[in-house]
Amino acid sequence: MFWTDPYDPPPGECVQCWAHAYDKSIHAQLAPDEDCADCLDHLDFDCPEEMIVY
């Protein structure tokens, strides 16, 4: 099944990571070479358990 809603991730996915991956407006204000601090936080320290959909 394909999920199309960026704010309704499938089970096993992080709510924030899913939204940041599929809602392009979240990163629209970033410069082309600028990284998203929230995304980097999840990449470096993993997603918080409470943000994972079960």
C-alpha atoms as a PDB file:
ATOM      1  CA  MET A   1       0.000   0.000   0.000  1.00  0.00           C
ATOM      2  CA  PHE A   2       1.268   3.489  -0.818  1.00  0.00           C
ATOM      3  CA  TRP A   3       0.802   6.270   1.713  1.00  0.00           C
ATOM      4  CA  THR A   4       0.191   9.670   0.185  1.00  0.00           C
ATOM      5  CA  ASP A   5      -0.514  11.760   3.284  1.00  0.00           C
ATOM      6  CA  PRO A   6       2.725  13.202   4.722  1.00  0.00           C
ATOM      7  CA  TYR A   7       1.051  13.461   8.138  1.00  0.00           C
ATOM      8  CA  ASP A   8      -0.260   9.903   8.303  1.00  0.00           C
ATOM      9  CA  PRO A   9       2.790   7.625   8.149  1.00  0.00           C
ATOM     10  CA  PRO A  10       2.507   3.852   7.917  1.00  0.00           C
ATOM     11  CA  PRO A  11       3.303   1.635  10.901  1.00  0.00           C
ATOM     12  CA  GLY A  12       6.989   1.478  11.767  1.00  0.00           C
ATOM     13  CA  GLU A  13       7.760   4.962  10.451  1.00  0.00           C
ATOM     14  CA  CYS A  14       8.676   8.105  12.359  1.00  0.00           C
ATOM     15  CA  VAL A  15       6.032  10.825  12.159  1.00  0.00           C
ATOM     16  CA  GLN A  16       8.606  13.599  11.778  1.00  0.00           C
ATOM     17  CA  CYS A  17      10.831  11.808   9.280  1.00  0.00           C
ATOM     18  CA  TRP A  18       7.830  10.841   7.157  1.00  0.00           C
ATOM     19  CA  ALA A  19       6.501  14.408   7.118  1.00  0.00           C
ATOM     20  CA  HIS A  20       9.928  15.841   6.301  1.00  0.00           C
ATOM     21  CA  ALA A  21      10.367  13.344   3.466  1.00  0.00           C
ATOM     22  CA  TYR A  22       6.971  13.877   1.831  1.00  0.00           C
ATOM     23  CA  ASP A  23       5.958  17.485   2.620  1.00  0.00           C
ATOM     24  CA  LYS A  24       8.298  19.608   0.528  1.00  0.00           C
ATOM     25  CA  SER A  25       7.132  22.838   2.189  1.00  0.00           C
ATOM     26  CA  ILE A  26       8.947  21.870   5.398  1.00  0.00           C
ATOM     27  CA  HIS A  27      12.347  22.318   3.763  1.00  0.00           C
ATOM     28  CA  ALA A  28      11.330  25.123   1.385  1.00  0.00           C
ATOM     29  CA  GLN A  29      12.980  27.836   3.494  1.00  0.00           C
ATOM     30  CA  LEU A  30      16.351  26.035   3.575  1.00  0.00           C
ATOM     31  CA  ALA A  31      19.158  27.127   1.283  1.00  0.00           C
ATOM     32  CA  PRO A  32      20.207  24.551  -1.350  1.00  0.00           C
ATOM     33  CA  ASP A  33      23.279  23.535   0.681  1.00  0.00           C
ATOM     34  CA  GLU A  34      21.614  23.853   4.104  1.00  0.00           C
ATOM     35  CA  ASP A  35      20.678  20.782   6.135  1.00  0.00           C
ATOM     36  CA  CYS A  36      17.561  20.479   8.264  1.00  0.00           C
ATOM     37  CA  ALA A  37      18.536  20.396  11.950  1.00  0.00           C
ATOM     38  CA  ASP A  38      15.558  18.180  12.842  1.00  0.00           C
ATOM     39  CA  CYS A  39      16.452  15.654  10.139  1.00  0.00           C
ATOM     40  CA  LEU A  40      20.095  15.612  11.182  1.00  0.00           C
ATOM     41  CA  ASP A  41      19.082  15.029  14.787  1.00  0.00           C
ATOM     42  CA  HIS A  42      17.134  11.910  13.800  1.00  0.00           C
ATOM     43  CA  LEU A  43      19.935  10.725  11.527  1.00  0.00           C
ATOM     44  CA  ASP A  44      22.550  11.150  14.250  1.00  0.00           C
ATOM     45  CA  PHE A  45      20.572   9.972  17.287  1.00  0.00           C
ATOM     46  CA  ASP A  46      17.749   7.865  15.782  1.00  0.00           C
ATOM     47  CA  CYS A  47      14.070   8.612  16.023  1.00  0.00           C
ATOM     48  CA  PRO A  48      12.531   8.906  19.474  1.00  0.00           C
ATOM     49  CA  GLU A  49      10.420   5.875  20.297  1.00  0.00           C
ATOM     50  CA  GLU A  50       7.341   8.033  20.931  1.00  0.00           C
ATOM     51  CA  MET A  51       7.473   9.304  17.341  1.00  0.00           C
ATOM     52  CA  ILE A  52       7.272   5.844  15.765  1.00  0.00           C
ATOM     53  CA  VAL A  53       3.819   4.766  14.549  1.00  0.00           C
ATOM     54  CA  TYR A  54       2.717   1.314  15.751  1.00  0.00           C
END
